[in-house]
Amino acid sequence: MNSLARSNEGIRELAIYGGLLLLGLVGVRGCAEAAEEPRDKVITFVEDAGYNGAVITDIDKAPFIWGCGERDTVKYEISAVSANTGRDVSFDVCDGLLKGMTIRD
């Protein structure tokens, strides 16, 4: 096999692996978006937990990287006022398909 044929074979393999990687990343993002709770449910969950004036400041689609557990699919960053202290607080709400929402400081 000459060097040109080996080079073309290597390029073809790289294109196949790159395409598979891209499909995998798109699939993970799609699953995270499908798992994302409507914002009103997240706000209701936070208010039921004893916070007032809750606002979602950011949504992360890879929460296991940024502070949530392996089974979480979405992380909401929240700003609110503690009903107990009256102080402004910031925390995360982690959510997974079959586990429900949890608050993390």
Protein backbone atom coordinates (compact mmCIF):
# COMPACT_ATOMS: atom_id res chain seq x y z
CA MET A 1 0.00 0.00 0.00
CA ASN A 2 1.49 3.34 -0.95
CA SER A 3 1.60 6.39 1.32
CA LEU A 4 -1.21 8.18 -0.55
CA ALA A 5 -3.60 5.27 0.00
CA ARG A 6 -2.68 5.13 3.72
CA SER A 7 -3.22 8.86 4.01
CA ASN A 8 -6.67 8.67 2.40
CA GLU A 9 -7.61 5.77 4.67
CA GLY A 10 -6.55 7.77 7.74
CA ILE A 11 -8.59 10.77 6.62
CA ARG A 12 -11.63 8.58 6.06
CA GLU A 13 -11.30 7.04 9.55
CA LEU A 14 -10.92 10.49 11.10
CA ALA A 15 -14.07 11.70 9.31
CA ILE A 16 -16.05 8.66 10.52
CA TYR A 17 -14.92 9.08 14.15
CA GLY A 18 -15.54 12.82 14.01
CA GLY A 19 -19.06 12.25 12.65
CA LEU A 20 -19.84 9.71 15.38
CA LEU A 21 -18.58 12.09 18.04
CA LEU A 22 -20.72 14.90 16.65
CA LEU A 23 -23.81 12.68 16.60
CA GLY A 24 -23.17 11.67 20.20
CA LEU A 25 -22.85 15.27 21.36
CA VAL A 26 -26.03 16.30 19.54
CA GLY A 27 -27.86 13.34 21.09
CA VAL A 28 -26.75 14.25 24.63
CA ARG A 29 -27.85 17.85 24.15
CA GLY A 30 -31.22 16.71 22.82
CA CYS A 31 -31.76 14.45 25.82
CA ALA A 32 -30.92 17.28 28.21
CA GLU A 33 -33.37 19.61 26.48
CA ALA A 34 -36.08 16.95 26.58
CA ALA A 35 -35.49 16.53 30.32
CA GLU A 36 -35.60 20.24 31.06
CA GLU A 37 -38.53 21.09 33.32
CA PRO A 38 -40.62 24.09 32.43
CA ARG A 39 -39.36 27.14 34.29
CA ASP A 40 -42.62 27.60 36.20
CA LYS A 41 -42.23 24.17 37.84
CA VAL A 42 -38.69 25.02 38.96
CA ILE A 43 -39.82 28.34 40.45
CA THR A 44 -42.73 26.62 42.23
CA PHE A 45 -40.34 23.98 43.63
CA VAL A 46 -38.01 26.72 44.97
CA GLU A 47 -40.88 28.72 46.50
CA ASP A 48 -42.30 25.59 48.14
CA ALA A 49 -38.85 25.06 49.69
CA GLY A 50 -39.08 28.43 51.48
CA TYR A 51 -37.66 31.02 49.10
CA ASN A 52 -39.31 34.14 47.67
CA GLY A 53 -38.79 36.05 44.43
CA ALA A 54 -36.92 33.19 42.78
CA VAL A 55 -35.33 33.91 39.40
CA ILE A 56 -33.55 31.45 37.11
CA THR A 57 -30.26 33.12 36.17
CA ASP A 58 -28.75 30.33 34.06
CA ILE A 59 -29.42 26.80 32.81
CA ASP A 60 -26.61 24.26 32.34
CA LYS A 61 -27.12 21.26 30.07
CA ALA A 62 -24.12 19.31 31.43
CA PRO A 63 -24.80 19.58 35.18
CA PHE A 64 -22.68 16.60 36.24
CA ILE A 65 -19.63 18.63 35.23
CA TRP A 66 -20.67 21.73 37.20
CA GLY A 67 -21.81 20.48 40.61
CA CYS A 68 -24.79 18.15 40.19
CA GLY A 69 -24.90 14.36 40.33
CA GLU A 70 -24.43 11.81 37.56
CA ARG A 71 -28.18 11.22 37.28
CA ASP A 72 -28.99 14.92 36.83
CA THR A 73 -29.67 16.19 33.34
CA VAL A 74 -30.22 19.92 33.94
CA LYS A 75 -28.88 22.45 36.46
CA TYR A 76 -30.72 25.71 37.12
CA GLU A 77 -28.85 28.54 38.80
CA ILE A 78 -31.25 30.42 41.08
CA SER A 79 -31.27 33.79 42.84
CA ALA A 80 -33.92 34.23 45.55
CA VAL A 81 -34.66 35.66 48.99
CA SER A 82 -34.60 33.33 51.97
CA ALA A 83 -37.96 33.40 53.78
CA ASN A 84 -36.12 32.60 57.05
CA THR A 85 -33.44 35.31 56.97
CA GLY A 86 -34.68 37.81 54.39
CA ARG A 87 -31.25 37.72 52.70
CA ASP A 88 -30.48 37.29 49.02
CA VAL A 89 -29.17 33.82 48.27
CA SER A 90 -27.89 31.96 45.22
CA PHE A 91 -28.00 28.20 44.77
CA ASP A 92 -28.49 25.47 42.19
CA VAL A 93 -31.48 23.26 41.49
CA CYS A 94 -30.42 19.95 39.96
CA ASP A 95 -32.96 17.89 38.05
CA GLY A 96 -32.94 14.38 36.60
CA LEU A 97 -35.44 12.39 34.57
CA LEU A 98 -36.37 9.84 37.23
CA LYS A 99 -35.06 11.45 40.43
CA GLY A 100 -36.78 14.82 40.65
CA MET A 101 -35.34 18.17 41.73
CA THR A 102 -32.87 18.86 44.54
CA ILE A 103 -31.42 22.12 45.89
CA ARG A 104 -27.64 22.39 46.19
CA ASP A 105 -25.70 25.23 47.78
